[in-house]
Amino acid sequence: MAIEAVWDGDTEGWFVVLLALTDDPQSEHQLALVRHGGDIRLFNGTVPPWPEAREAEQAGRALADHLGVRFHFPSPDRPDDEWATEQARNLLMSLDDVRTTGIRYLIRDNAGYFTEGFDVVFNAIGAVWCPSCPARPG
């Protein structure tokens, strides 16, 4: 068993999920989700540092120490931009060639988890990125 903290994101922004990883049966169990506001913080200069990362790391380490297991947080200093790219790859792999060739445009917002790697996945099948209108904060 181990405790792990991982970055995740949704349309509101980044957050950290604390997981318990078990060996028998091999599984992961969500213990907590730590969020301290949306991506608007990137634009108004309040992050970094990421308070949710500090909080998740403190709680994860305390729990791991209490249980006598290891704690792992692969990127505590900044969100891991590989998450969204991996989701894009998974989506395209789940579609057959006929359905992926029909994707011509990718309409998305400017959230921080949509990185260059995310766009590259869709550019590889010929899709063009079209920005959506910015959302109103709050």
N, C-alpha and C. Protein backbone atom coordinates (compact mmCIF):
# COMPACT_ATOMS: atom_id res chain seq x y z
N MET A 1 0.84 -1.18 0.00
CA MET A 1 0.00 0.00 0.00
C MET A 1 0.89 1.25 0.00
N ALA A 2 0.37 2.32 -0.58
CA ALA A 2 1.06 3.61 -0.60
C ALA A 2 0.02 4.71 -0.68
N ILE A 3 0.42 5.92 -0.32
CA ILE A 3 -0.42 7.10 -0.46
C ILE A 3 0.21 7.95 -1.55
N GLU A 4 -0.62 8.44 -2.48
CA GLU A 4 -0.11 9.24 -3.59
C GLU A 4 -0.97 10.48 -3.76
N ALA A 5 -0.33 11.58 -4.10
CA ALA A 5 -1.02 12.82 -4.46
C ALA A 5 -0.79 13.05 -5.94
N VAL A 6 -1.86 13.33 -6.68
CA VAL A 6 -1.75 13.56 -8.12
C VAL A 6 -2.57 14.79 -8.51
N TRP A 7 -2.06 15.51 -9.48
CA TRP A 7 -2.80 16.65 -10.03
C TRP A 7 -3.90 16.13 -10.93
N ASP A 8 -5.00 16.84 -10.95
CA ASP A 8 -6.11 16.56 -11.86
C ASP A 8 -6.73 17.90 -12.19
N GLY A 9 -7.65 17.92 -13.10
CA GLY A 9 -8.26 19.19 -13.47
C GLY A 9 -9.62 19.00 -14.09
N ASP A 10 -10.38 20.07 -14.07
CA ASP A 10 -11.68 20.09 -14.73
C ASP A 10 -11.86 21.48 -15.33
N THR A 11 -13.06 21.82 -15.70
CA THR A 11 -13.28 23.11 -16.36
C THR A 11 -13.06 24.29 -15.44
N GLU A 12 -12.98 24.07 -14.12
CA GLU A 12 -12.74 25.16 -13.19
C GLU A 12 -11.27 25.34 -12.87
N GLY A 13 -10.44 24.34 -13.15
CA GLY A 13 -9.01 24.48 -12.90
C GLY A 13 -8.41 23.24 -12.28
N TRP A 14 -7.20 23.43 -11.74
CA TRP A 14 -6.43 22.34 -11.17
C TRP A 14 -6.83 22.04 -9.75
N PHE A 15 -6.67 20.77 -9.34
CA PHE A 15 -6.82 20.36 -7.96
C PHE A 15 -5.93 19.15 -7.73
N VAL A 16 -5.75 18.77 -6.47
CA VAL A 16 -4.92 17.63 -6.13
C VAL A 16 -5.80 16.55 -5.50
N VAL A 17 -5.60 15.32 -5.93
CA VAL A 17 -6.35 14.19 -5.39
C VAL A 17 -5.39 13.33 -4.57
N LEU A 18 -5.80 12.98 -3.36
CA LEU A 18 -5.04 12.04 -2.53
C LEU A 18 -5.62 10.66 -2.75
N LEU A 19 -4.74 9.71 -3.04
CA LEU A 19 -5.16 8.33 -3.34
C LEU A 19 -4.48 7.35 -2.40
N ALA A 20 -5.18 6.27 -2.08
CA ALA A 20 -4.57 5.12 -1.43
C ALA A 20 -4.40 4.07 -2.52
N LEU A 21 -3.18 3.62 -2.73
CA LEU A 21 -2.89 2.59 -3.73
C LEU A 21 -2.72 1.27 -2.99
N THR A 22 -3.51 0.27 -3.37
CA THR A 22 -3.43 -1.04 -2.71
C THR A 22 -2.89 -2.08 -3.69
N ASP A 23 -2.24 -3.09 -3.12
CA ASP A 23 -1.64 -4.15 -3.93
C ASP A 23 -2.58 -5.34 -4.12
N ASP A 24 -3.33 -5.67 -3.08
CA ASP A 24 -4.17 -6.87 -3.15
C ASP A 24 -5.55 -6.57 -2.60
N PRO A 25 -6.52 -6.25 -3.43
CA PRO A 25 -6.44 -6.22 -4.89
C PRO A 25 -5.77 -4.93 -5.36
N GLN A 26 -5.16 -5.00 -6.55
CA GLN A 26 -4.49 -3.83 -7.10
C GLN A 26 -5.55 -2.81 -7.50
N SER A 27 -5.54 -1.67 -6.81
CA SER A 27 -6.58 -0.68 -7.01
C SER A 27 -6.12 0.66 -6.46
N GLU A 28 -6.84 1.72 -6.81
CA GLU A 28 -6.61 3.02 -6.20
C GLU A 28 -7.93 3.53 -5.66
N HIS A 29 -7.86 4.14 -4.49
CA HIS A 29 -9.06 4.62 -3.80
C HIS A 29 -8.88 6.10 -3.49
N GLN A 30 -9.83 6.92 -3.94
CA GLN A 30 -9.73 8.36 -3.69
C GLN A 30 -10.04 8.64 -2.23
N LEU A 31 -9.13 9.34 -1.57
CA LEU A 31 -9.30 9.70 -0.17
C LEU A 31 -9.78 11.13 0.01
N ALA A 32 -9.28 12.03 -0.83
CA ALA A 32 -9.63 13.44 -0.69
C ALA A 32 -9.34 14.17 -1.98
N LEU A 33 -10.03 15.29 -2.17
CA LEU A 33 -9.79 16.20 -3.28
C LEU A 33 -9.53 17.57 -2.66
N VAL A 34 -8.41 18.19 -3.02
CA VAL A 34 -8.03 19.48 -2.44
C VAL A 34 -8.01 20.52 -3.55
N ARG A 35 -8.88 21.54 -3.41
CA ARG A 35 -8.99 22.61 -4.40
C ARG A 35 -9.01 23.95 -3.65
N HIS A 36 -8.31 24.92 -4.19
CA HIS A 36 -8.27 26.25 -3.58
C HIS A 36 -8.58 27.33 -4.61
N GLY A 37 -9.59 27.16 -5.41
CA GLY A 37 -9.94 28.16 -6.40
C GLY A 37 -9.64 27.68 -7.82
N GLY A 38 -10.07 28.47 -8.78
CA GLY A 38 -9.93 28.09 -10.18
C GLY A 38 -8.68 28.66 -10.83
N ASP A 39 -8.60 28.47 -12.14
CA ASP A 39 -7.44 28.92 -12.90
C ASP A 39 -7.32 30.43 -12.99
N ILE A 40 -8.35 31.17 -12.61
CA ILE A 40 -8.25 32.63 -12.65
C ILE A 40 -7.08 33.10 -11.79
N ARG A 41 -6.68 32.29 -10.81
CA ARG A 41 -5.54 32.63 -9.94
C ARG A 41 -4.25 32.76 -10.74
N LEU A 42 -4.14 32.03 -11.85
CA LEU A 42 -2.95 32.15 -12.70
C LEU A 42 -2.83 33.55 -13.29
N PHE A 43 -3.97 34.13 -13.64
CA PHE A 43 -3.97 35.43 -14.31
C PHE A 43 -3.81 36.59 -13.32
N ASN A 44 -4.30 36.41 -12.09
CA ASN A 44 -4.16 37.50 -11.13
C ASN A 44 -2.93 37.35 -10.25
N GLY A 45 -2.08 36.35 -10.54
CA GLY A 45 -0.78 36.22 -9.90
C GLY A 45 -0.77 35.61 -8.51
N THR A 46 -1.84 34.95 -8.09
CA THR A 46 -1.85 34.37 -6.74
C THR A 46 -1.25 32.97 -6.69
N VAL A 47 -1.03 32.33 -7.81
CA VAL A 47 -0.31 31.05 -7.87
C VAL A 47 0.73 31.16 -8.98
N PRO A 48 1.85 30.48 -8.90
CA PRO A 48 2.29 29.69 -7.76
C PRO A 48 2.67 30.57 -6.58
N PRO A 49 2.86 30.05 -5.39
CA PRO A 49 2.78 28.63 -5.03
C PRO A 49 1.34 28.15 -5.00
N TRP A 50 1.20 26.85 -5.10
CA TRP A 50 -0.11 26.21 -5.13
C TRP A 50 -0.46 25.74 -3.72
N PRO A 51 -1.40 26.42 -3.02
CA PRO A 51 -1.73 26.02 -1.65
C PRO A 51 -2.33 24.61 -1.57
N GLU A 52 -3.03 24.19 -2.61
CA GLU A 52 -3.60 22.84 -2.58
C GLU A 52 -2.51 21.77 -2.60
N ALA A 53 -1.39 22.08 -3.24
CA ALA A 53 -0.28 21.13 -3.27
C ALA A 53 0.34 21.00 -1.88
N ARG A 54 0.55 22.14 -1.21
CA ARG A 54 1.12 22.09 0.14
C ARG A 54 0.19 21.34 1.10
N GLU A 55 -1.09 21.64 1.02
CA GLU A 55 -2.06 20.99 1.91
C GLU A 55 -2.13 19.49 1.65
N ALA A 56 -2.19 19.09 0.38
CA ALA A 56 -2.26 17.67 0.05
C ALA A 56 -0.98 16.95 0.45
N GLU A 57 0.16 17.61 0.27
CA GLU A 57 1.43 16.98 0.65
C GLU A 57 1.52 16.78 2.17
N GLN A 58 1.09 17.78 2.93
CA GLN A 58 1.11 17.64 4.39
C GLN A 58 0.19 16.53 4.86
N ALA A 59 -1.04 16.51 4.33
CA ALA A 59 -2.00 15.48 4.73
C ALA A 59 -1.55 14.10 4.28
N GLY A 60 -1.04 14.00 3.06
CA GLY A 60 -0.59 12.72 2.53
C GLY A 60 0.58 12.15 3.31
N ARG A 61 1.56 13.02 3.62
CA ARG A 61 2.72 12.56 4.40
C ARG A 61 2.31 12.13 5.80
N ALA A 62 1.41 12.91 6.44
CA ALA A 62 0.96 12.56 7.79
C ALA A 62 0.25 11.21 7.78
N LEU A 63 -0.62 10.99 6.81
CA LEU A 63 -1.33 9.72 6.72
C LEU A 63 -0.38 8.56 6.43
N ALA A 64 0.54 8.77 5.50
CA ALA A 64 1.51 7.72 5.16
C ALA A 64 2.38 7.38 6.38
N ASP A 65 2.83 8.39 7.12
CA ASP A 65 3.61 8.15 8.32
C ASP A 65 2.80 7.38 9.36
N HIS A 66 1.54 7.77 9.53
CA HIS A 66 0.67 7.09 10.49
C HIS A 66 0.47 5.61 10.13
N LEU A 67 0.34 5.33 8.85
CA LEU A 67 0.10 3.95 8.38
C LEU A 67 1.41 3.18 8.17
N GLY A 68 2.53 3.88 8.17
CA GLY A 68 3.82 3.22 7.94
C GLY A 68 4.02 2.79 6.50
N VAL A 69 3.50 3.60 5.56
CA VAL A 69 3.64 3.30 4.14
C VAL A 69 4.34 4.47 3.46
N ARG A 70 4.73 4.29 2.20
CA ARG A 70 5.41 5.38 1.49
C ARG A 70 4.40 6.39 0.94
N PHE A 71 4.90 7.62 0.74
CA PHE A 71 4.11 8.70 0.15
C PHE A 71 4.80 9.15 -1.13
N HIS A 72 4.02 9.43 -2.17
CA HIS A 72 4.58 9.84 -3.46
C HIS A 72 3.75 10.99 -4.02
N PHE A 73 4.43 12.08 -4.42
CA PHE A 73 3.79 13.22 -5.08
C PHE A 73 4.73 13.61 -6.21
N PRO A 74 4.45 13.16 -7.46
CA PRO A 74 5.40 13.32 -8.56
C PRO A 74 5.74 14.77 -8.91
N SER A 75 4.81 15.70 -8.77
CA SER A 75 5.13 17.09 -9.17
C SER A 75 4.46 18.08 -8.22
N PRO A 76 4.97 18.22 -7.00
CA PRO A 76 4.32 19.10 -6.03
C PRO A 76 4.46 20.60 -6.34
N ASP A 77 5.43 20.98 -7.15
CA ASP A 77 5.66 22.41 -7.40
C ASP A 77 4.76 23.02 -8.46
N ARG A 78 4.21 22.19 -9.33
CA ARG A 78 3.34 22.72 -10.38
C ARG A 78 2.46 21.58 -10.91
N PRO A 79 1.30 21.93 -11.46
CA PRO A 79 0.44 20.89 -12.04
C PRO A 79 1.16 20.12 -13.13
N ASP A 80 0.87 18.86 -13.21
CA ASP A 80 1.46 17.97 -14.20
C ASP A 80 0.65 18.09 -15.48
N ASP A 81 1.24 18.70 -16.49
CA ASP A 81 0.50 18.93 -17.72
C ASP A 81 0.30 17.68 -18.56
N GLU A 82 0.83 16.56 -18.13
CA GLU A 82 0.65 15.32 -18.89
C GLU A 82 -0.76 14.75 -18.76
N TRP A 83 -1.50 15.12 -17.71
CA TRP A 83 -2.82 14.55 -17.48
C TRP A 83 -3.74 14.80 -18.67
N ALA A 84 -3.88 16.05 -19.08
CA ALA A 84 -4.80 16.38 -20.18
C ALA A 84 -4.34 15.75 -21.49
N THR A 85 -3.03 15.72 -21.72
CA THR A 85 -2.50 15.10 -22.94
C THR A 85 -2.83 13.62 -22.96
N GLU A 86 -2.69 12.95 -21.83
CA GLU A 86 -3.02 11.53 -21.75
C GLU A 86 -4.50 11.29 -22.00
N GLN A 87 -5.36 12.17 -21.49
CA GLN A 87 -6.80 12.04 -21.73
C GLN A 87 -7.12 12.19 -23.22
N ALA A 88 -6.44 13.11 -23.89
CA ALA A 88 -6.64 13.29 -25.33
C ALA A 88 -6.22 12.04 -26.10
N ARG A 89 -5.06 11.49 -25.74
CA ARG A 89 -4.60 10.25 -26.40
C ARG A 89 -5.59 9.12 -26.18
N ASN A 90 -6.07 8.98 -24.94
CA ASN A 90 -7.03 7.91 -24.63
C ASN A 90 -8.30 8.05 -25.45
N LEU A 91 -8.78 9.29 -25.59
CA LEU A 91 -9.99 9.52 -26.39
C LEU A 91 -9.78 9.08 -27.83
N LEU A 92 -8.68 9.51 -28.44
CA LEU A 92 -8.44 9.17 -29.84
C LEU A 92 -8.22 7.68 -30.04
N MET A 93 -7.59 7.02 -29.07
CA MET A 93 -7.39 5.57 -29.19
C MET A 93 -8.71 4.81 -29.06
N SER A 94 -9.68 5.40 -28.33
CA SER A 94 -10.96 4.72 -28.17
C SER A 94 -11.87 4.88 -29.39
N LEU A 95 -11.54 5.81 -30.29
CA LEU A 95 -12.31 6.03 -31.51
C LEU A 95 -11.68 5.26 -32.66
N ASP A 96 -12.50 4.84 -33.60
CA ASP A 96 -11.93 4.18 -34.78
C ASP A 96 -11.46 5.23 -35.79
N ASP A 97 -10.74 4.79 -36.82
CA ASP A 97 -10.17 5.72 -37.81
C ASP A 97 -11.22 6.57 -38.50
N VAL A 98 -12.40 6.01 -38.74
CA VAL A 98 -13.45 6.76 -39.43
C VAL A 98 -13.89 7.95 -38.59
N ARG A 99 -14.04 7.75 -37.28
CA ARG A 99 -14.51 8.84 -36.43
C ARG A 99 -13.41 9.86 -36.16
N THR A 100 -12.15 9.47 -36.11
CA THR A 100 -11.10 10.45 -35.85
C THR A 100 -10.82 11.32 -37.08
N THR A 101 -11.01 10.79 -38.28
CA THR A 101 -10.76 11.60 -39.47
C THR A 101 -11.82 12.69 -39.62
N GLY A 102 -12.96 12.53 -38.95
CA GLY A 102 -14.01 13.55 -39.00
C GLY A 102 -13.78 14.71 -38.04
N ILE A 103 -12.77 14.62 -37.19
CA ILE A 103 -12.50 15.71 -36.24
C ILE A 103 -11.67 16.77 -36.95
N ARG A 104 -12.30 17.91 -37.23
CA ARG A 104 -11.59 18.98 -37.94
C ARG A 104 -11.24 20.14 -37.02
N TYR A 105 -12.05 20.36 -35.99
CA TYR A 105 -11.84 21.50 -35.10
C TYR A 105 -11.86 21.03 -33.65
N LEU A 106 -11.02 21.64 -32.85
CA LEU A 106 -10.99 21.41 -31.41
C LEU A 106 -11.34 22.74 -30.75
N ILE A 107 -12.52 22.80 -30.16
CA ILE A 107 -12.97 24.02 -29.50
C ILE A 107 -12.74 23.83 -28.00
N ARG A 108 -11.90 24.68 -27.42
CA ARG A 108 -11.59 24.57 -26.00
C ARG A 108 -11.25 25.94 -25.43
N ASP A 109 -11.28 26.01 -24.11
CA ASP A 109 -10.93 27.27 -23.46
C ASP A 109 -9.41 27.34 -23.25
N ASN A 110 -8.97 28.35 -22.55
CA ASN A 110 -7.54 28.55 -22.32
C ASN A 110 -7.08 28.05 -20.96
N ALA A 111 -7.78 27.08 -20.40
CA ALA A 111 -7.41 26.55 -19.09
C ALA A 111 -5.97 26.06 -19.11
N GLY A 112 -5.30 26.17 -17.98
CA GLY A 112 -3.89 25.83 -17.87
C GLY A 112 -3.56 24.39 -18.15
N TYR A 113 -4.52 23.49 -18.01
CA TYR A 113 -4.22 22.08 -18.22
C TYR A 113 -4.27 21.70 -19.69
N PHE A 114 -4.74 22.60 -20.57
CA PHE A 114 -4.66 22.36 -22.01
C PHE A 114 -3.32 22.93 -22.48
N THR A 115 -2.34 22.08 -22.56
CA THR A 115 -0.99 22.52 -22.89
C THR A 115 -0.69 22.25 -24.36
N GLU A 116 0.51 22.60 -24.76
CA GLU A 116 0.94 22.36 -26.13
C GLU A 116 0.85 20.88 -26.48
N GLY A 117 1.20 20.01 -25.52
CA GLY A 117 1.12 18.57 -25.76
C GLY A 117 -0.28 18.11 -26.09
N PHE A 118 -1.28 18.71 -25.43
CA PHE A 118 -2.68 18.39 -25.69
C PHE A 118 -3.02 18.75 -27.14
N ASP A 119 -2.62 19.94 -27.56
CA ASP A 119 -2.91 20.38 -28.93
C ASP A 119 -2.20 19.52 -29.96
N VAL A 120 -0.97 19.10 -29.67
CA VAL A 120 -0.20 18.27 -30.60
C VAL A 120 -0.94 16.97 -30.91
N VAL A 121 -1.58 16.38 -29.89
CA VAL A 121 -2.32 15.13 -30.10
C VAL A 121 -3.39 15.33 -31.17
N PHE A 122 -4.14 16.43 -31.08
CA PHE A 122 -5.21 16.67 -32.05
C PHE A 122 -4.67 17.20 -33.38
N ASN A 123 -3.57 17.94 -33.35
CA ASN A 123 -2.96 18.40 -34.60
C ASN A 123 -2.48 17.22 -35.43
N ALA A 124 -2.08 16.14 -34.77
CA ALA A 124 -1.59 14.96 -35.48
C ALA A 124 -2.67 14.33 -36.36
N ILE A 125 -3.94 14.55 -36.03
CA ILE A 125 -5.02 14.01 -36.89
C ILE A 125 -5.61 15.10 -37.77
N GLY A 126 -4.98 16.28 -37.78
CA GLY A 126 -5.42 17.36 -38.66
C GLY A 126 -6.42 18.32 -38.05
N ALA A 127 -6.70 18.23 -36.77
CA ALA A 127 -7.66 19.14 -36.14
C ALA A 127 -6.99 20.49 -35.86
N VAL A 128 -7.78 21.54 -35.97
CA VAL A 128 -7.32 22.90 -35.73
C VAL A 128 -7.94 23.39 -34.44
N TRP A 129 -7.14 24.02 -33.57
CA TRP A 129 -7.64 24.54 -32.30
C TRP A 129 -8.35 25.86 -32.49
N CYS A 130 -9.56 25.95 -31.97
CA CYS A 130 -10.35 27.20 -32.00
C CYS A 130 -10.67 27.59 -30.56
N PRO A 131 -10.20 28.74 -30.11
CA PRO A 131 -10.47 29.14 -28.72
C PRO A 131 -11.93 29.50 -28.52
N SER A 132 -12.46 29.13 -27.37
CA SER A 132 -13.82 29.54 -27.02
C SER A 132 -13.75 30.90 -26.36
N CYS A 133 -14.89 31.54 -26.18
CA CYS A 133 -14.92 32.83 -25.51
C CYS A 133 -14.52 32.64 -24.06
N PRO A 134 -13.80 33.59 -23.49
CA PRO A 134 -13.43 33.47 -22.07
C PRO A 134 -14.66 33.47 -21.19
N ALA A 135 -14.60 32.66 -20.14
CA ALA A 135 -15.71 32.59 -19.19
C ALA A 135 -15.57 33.72 -18.19
N ARG A 136 -16.68 34.15 -17.67
CA ARG A 136 -16.69 35.17 -16.64
C ARG A 136 -16.28 34.55 -15.31
N PRO A 137 -15.30 35.12 -14.59
CA PRO A 137 -14.89 34.55 -13.30
C PRO A 137 -16.04 34.51 -12.32
N GLY A 138 -16.02 33.49 -11.47
CA GLY A 138 -17.01 33.40 -10.39
C GLY A 138 -18.13 32.60 -10.81
